[in-house]
């Protein structure tokens, strides 16, 4: 996720756009059936929750001037954590709760696309 290191505002708005995306898509799938809506919600959370963890982990250097090289390590570790949390959430949703694959996958992709598009929207809004 693209974030400005010393400002949590763009990251916050990006996360809010992602949350709005998966809530909206889940509501649309909920019109079809409750199972599809819950599966879509699980797919959105499988993207959004790891992004929240990444932002919190990456922005912990916000208070002061970070030690050189520590920011890169923070991003690398945060990204690895994000991947592992995503895999774990998808395994739990698909394996344990037997979520429907199509709503889960479509919501997952919608939030990923919003993750790519959000920085352009947020940059336009903040300026």
C-alpha atoms as a PDB file:
ATOM      1  CA  UNK A   1       0.000   0.000   0.000  1.00  0.00           C
ATOM      2  CA  UNK A   2       1.356   3.387  -0.893  1.00  0.00           C
ATOM      3  CA  UNK A   3       1.641   5.558   2.195  1.00  0.00           C
ATOM      4  CA  UNK A   4       3.435   8.715   3.052  1.00  0.00           C
ATOM      5  CA  UNK A   5       5.860   7.822   5.830  1.00  0.00           C
ATOM      6  CA  UNK A   6       5.338  10.838   8.009  1.00  0.00           C
ATOM      7  CA  UNK A   7       1.642  11.411   7.541  1.00  0.00           C
ATOM      8  CA  UNK A   8      -1.005   8.941   8.543  1.00  0.00           C
ATOM      9  CA  UNK A   9      -3.765  10.929   6.831  1.00  0.00           C
ATOM     10  CA  UNK A  10      -3.342   9.496   3.294  1.00  0.00           C
ATOM     11  CA  UNK A  11      -3.033   6.001   4.724  1.00  0.00           C
ATOM     12  CA  UNK A  12      -6.177   6.496   6.806  1.00  0.00           C
ATOM     13  CA  UNK A  13      -8.197   7.691   3.815  1.00  0.00           C
ATOM     14  CA  UNK A  14      -6.889   4.830   1.680  1.00  0.00           C
ATOM     15  CA  UNK A  15      -7.979   2.340   4.314  1.00  0.00           C
ATOM     16  CA  UNK A  16     -11.382   4.001   4.574  1.00  0.00           C
ATOM     17  CA  UNK A  17     -11.870   3.749   0.790  1.00  0.00           C
ATOM     18  CA  UNK A  18     -10.975   0.063   0.956  1.00  0.00           C
ATOM     19  CA  UNK A  19     -13.366  -0.489   3.864  1.00  0.00           C
ATOM     20  CA  UNK A  20     -16.164   1.275   2.012  1.00  0.00           C
ATOM     21  CA  UNK A  21     -15.456  -0.900  -1.027  1.00  0.00           C
ATOM     22  CA  UNK A  22     -15.720  -4.220   0.762  1.00  0.00           C
ATOM     23  CA  UNK A  23     -18.752  -3.148   2.804  1.00  0.00           C
ATOM     24  CA  UNK A  24     -20.547  -2.006  -0.370  1.00  0.00           C
ATOM     25  CA  UNK A  25     -19.663  -5.163  -2.315  1.00  0.00           C
ATOM     26  CA  UNK A  26     -20.683  -7.323   0.663  1.00  0.00           C
ATOM     27  CA  UNK A  27     -24.025  -5.531   0.833  1.00  0.00           C
ATOM     28  CA  UNK A  28     -24.610  -6.200  -2.857  1.00  0.00           C
ATOM     29  CA  UNK A  29     -23.801  -9.903  -2.388  1.00  0.00           C
ATOM     30  CA  UNK A  30     -26.034  -9.960   0.703  1.00  0.00           C
ATOM     31  CA  UNK A  31     -28.984  -9.169  -1.582  1.00  0.00           C
ATOM     32  CA  UNK A  32     -28.313 -12.498  -3.276  1.00  0.00           C
ATOM     33  CA  UNK A  33     -27.948 -14.526  -0.075  1.00  0.00           C
ATOM     34  CA  UNK A  34     -26.631 -14.124   3.430  1.00  0.00           C
ATOM     35  CA  UNK A  35     -23.943 -16.764   2.803  1.00  0.00           C
ATOM     36  CA  UNK A  36     -22.673 -14.846  -0.225  1.00  0.00           C
ATOM     37  CA  UNK A  37     -22.657 -11.602   1.770  1.00  0.00           C
ATOM     38  CA  UNK A  38     -20.676 -13.142   4.621  1.00  0.00           C
ATOM     39  CA  UNK A  39     -18.248 -14.734   2.158  1.00  0.00           C
ATOM     40  CA  UNK A  40     -17.765 -11.370   0.469  1.00  0.00           C
ATOM     41  CA  UNK A  41     -17.193  -9.754   3.852  1.00  0.00           C
ATOM     42  CA  UNK A  42     -14.546 -12.379   4.629  1.00  0.00           C
ATOM     43  CA  UNK A  43     -12.827 -11.673   1.300  1.00  0.00           C
ATOM     44  CA  UNK A  44     -12.752  -7.949   1.984  1.00  0.00           C
ATOM     45  CA  UNK A  45     -11.450  -8.441   5.508  1.00  0.00           C
ATOM     46  CA  UNK A  46      -8.714 -10.736   4.163  1.00  0.00           C
ATOM     47  CA  UNK A  47      -7.302  -7.709   2.329  1.00  0.00           C
ATOM     48  CA  UNK A  48      -8.231  -4.875   4.647  1.00  0.00           C
ATOM     49  CA  UNK A  49      -7.076  -6.226   8.020  1.00  0.00           C
ATOM     50  CA  UNK A  50      -3.528  -7.016   6.794  1.00  0.00           C
ATOM     51  CA  UNK A  51      -3.369  -3.521   5.276  1.00  0.00           C
ATOM     52  CA  UNK A  52      -4.331  -2.015   8.634  1.00  0.00           C
ATOM     53  CA  UNK A  53      -1.581  -4.041  10.319  1.00  0.00           C
ATOM     54  CA  UNK A  54       0.913  -2.936   7.668  1.00  0.00           C
ATOM     55  CA  UNK A  55       0.022   0.732   8.034  1.00  0.00           C
ATOM     56  CA  UNK A  56       0.286   0.574  11.814  1.00  0.00           C
ATOM     57  CA  UNK A  57       3.615  -1.241  11.559  1.00  0.00           C
ATOM     58  CA  UNK A  58       5.034   1.034   8.866  1.00  0.00           C
ATOM     59  CA  UNK A  59       3.919   4.308  10.441  1.00  0.00           C
ATOM     60  CA  UNK A  60       5.435   3.614  13.847  1.00  0.00           C
ATOM     61  CA  UNK A  61       8.401   5.814  12.847  1.00  0.00           C
ATOM     62  CA  UNK A  62       6.099   8.806  12.503  1.00  0.00           C
ATOM     63  CA  UNK A  63       7.050  10.525  15.783  1.00  0.00           C
ATOM     64  CA  UNK A  64      10.715  11.241  15.202  1.00  0.00           C
ATOM     65  CA  UNK A  65      13.467  10.942  12.673  1.00  0.00           C
ATOM     66  CA  UNK A  66      14.042   7.221  12.120  1.00  0.00           C
ATOM     67  CA  UNK A  67      17.458   5.617  12.176  1.00  0.00           C
ATOM     68  CA  UNK A  68      18.803   5.197   8.643  1.00  0.00           C
ATOM     69  CA  UNK A  69      17.873   1.833   7.186  1.00  0.00           C
ATOM     70  CA  UNK A  70      15.239   1.128   9.805  1.00  0.00           C
ATOM     71  CA  UNK A  71      12.398   2.400   7.629  1.00  0.00           C
ATOM     72  CA  UNK A  72      13.261  -0.060   4.853  1.00  0.00           C
ATOM     73  CA  UNK A  73      13.354  -2.935   7.341  1.00  0.00           C
ATOM     74  CA  UNK A  74      10.076  -1.788   8.842  1.00  0.00           C
ATOM     75  CA  UNK A  75       8.431  -1.846   5.415  1.00  0.00           C
ATOM     76  CA  UNK A  76       9.923  -5.243   4.561  1.00  0.00           C
ATOM     77  CA  UNK A  77       8.804  -6.810   7.827  1.00  0.00           C
ATOM     78  CA  UNK A  78       5.397  -5.135   7.578  1.00  0.00           C
ATOM     79  CA  UNK A  79       4.915  -6.467   4.064  1.00  0.00           C
ATOM     80  CA  UNK A  80       5.907 -10.000   5.108  1.00  0.00           C
ATOM     81  CA  UNK A  81       3.485  -9.800   8.032  1.00  0.00           C
ATOM     82  CA  UNK A  82       0.788  -8.604   5.653  1.00  0.00           C
ATOM     83  CA  UNK A  83       1.302 -11.593   3.345  1.00  0.00           C
ATOM     84  CA  UNK A  84       1.211 -14.123   6.190  1.00  0.00           C
ATOM     85  CA  UNK A  85      -1.902 -12.578   7.747  1.00  0.00           C
ATOM     86  CA  UNK A  86      -3.636 -12.548   4.352  1.00  0.00           C
ATOM     87  CA  UNK A  87      -2.860 -16.219   3.771  1.00  0.00           C
ATOM     88  CA  UNK A  88      -4.035 -17.122   7.263  1.00  0.00           C
ATOM     89  CA  UNK A  89      -7.315 -15.218   6.859  1.00  0.00           C
ATOM     90  CA  UNK A  90      -8.020 -16.799   3.472  1.00  0.00           C
ATOM     91  CA  UNK A  91      -7.272 -20.292   4.826  1.00  0.00           C
ATOM     92  CA  UNK A  92      -9.616 -19.691   7.768  1.00  0.00           C
ATOM     93  CA  UNK A  93     -12.376 -18.282   5.526  1.00  0.00           C
ATOM     94  CA  UNK A  94     -12.174 -20.983   2.861  1.00  0.00           C
ATOM     95  CA  UNK A  95     -11.130 -23.958   4.964  1.00  0.00           C
ATOM     96  CA  UNK A  96     -12.705 -23.476   8.349  1.00  0.00           C
ATOM     97  CA  UNK A  97     -15.852 -21.498   7.544  1.00  0.00           C
ATOM     98  CA  UNK A  98     -16.384 -22.945   4.035  1.00  0.00           C
ATOM     99  CA  UNK A  99     -16.990 -19.529   2.482  1.00  0.00           C
ATOM    100  CA  UNK A 100     -18.305 -19.347  -1.073  1.00  0.00           C
ATOM    101  CA  UNK A 101     -15.340 -18.789  -3.387  1.00  0.00           C
ATOM    102  CA  UNK A 102     -16.869 -16.449  -5.990  1.00  0.00           C
ATOM    103  CA  UNK A 103     -18.094 -13.704  -3.614  1.00  0.00           C
ATOM    104  CA  UNK A 104     -14.916 -14.004  -1.547  1.00  0.00           C
ATOM    105  CA  UNK A 105     -12.690 -13.804  -4.615  1.00  0.00           C
ATOM    106  CA  UNK A 106     -14.558 -10.945  -6.266  1.00  0.00           C
ATOM    107  CA  UNK A 107     -14.535  -8.852  -3.104  1.00  0.00           C
ATOM    108  CA  UNK A 108     -10.866  -9.659  -2.563  1.00  0.00           C
ATOM    109  CA  UNK A 109     -10.079  -8.444  -6.086  1.00  0.00           C
ATOM    110  CA  UNK A 110     -12.276  -5.345  -5.725  1.00  0.00           C
ATOM    111  CA  UNK A 111     -10.447  -4.258  -2.575  1.00  0.00           C
ATOM    112  CA  UNK A 112      -7.064  -4.998  -4.187  1.00  0.00           C
ATOM    113  CA  UNK A 113      -8.028  -2.812  -7.142  1.00  0.00           C
ATOM    114  CA  UNK A 114      -9.120  -0.084  -4.728  1.00  0.00           C
ATOM    115  CA  UNK A 115      -5.731  -0.428  -3.025  1.00  0.00           C
ATOM    116  CA  UNK A 116      -4.108   0.454  -6.340  1.00  0.00           C
ATOM    117  CA  UNK A 117      -6.565   3.229  -7.233  1.00  0.00           C
ATOM    118  CA  UNK A 118      -6.882   4.759  -3.729  1.00  0.00           C
ATOM    119  CA  UNK A 119      -3.597   6.736  -3.728  1.00  0.00           C
ATOM    120  CA  UNK A 120      -4.716   8.682  -6.810  1.00  0.00           C
ATOM    121  CA  UNK A 121      -8.091   9.439  -5.224  1.00  0.00           C
ATOM    122  CA  UNK A 122      -6.583  10.323  -1.842  1.00  0.00           C
ATOM    123  CA  UNK A 123      -3.891  12.566  -3.359  1.00  0.00           C
ATOM    124  CA  UNK A 124      -6.547  14.455  -5.273  1.00  0.00           C
ATOM    125  CA  UNK A 125      -8.716  14.804  -2.154  1.00  0.00           C
ATOM    126  CA  UNK A 126      -5.977  15.930   0.268  1.00  0.00           C
ATOM    127  CA  UNK A 127      -4.494  18.617  -1.984  1.00  0.00           C
END
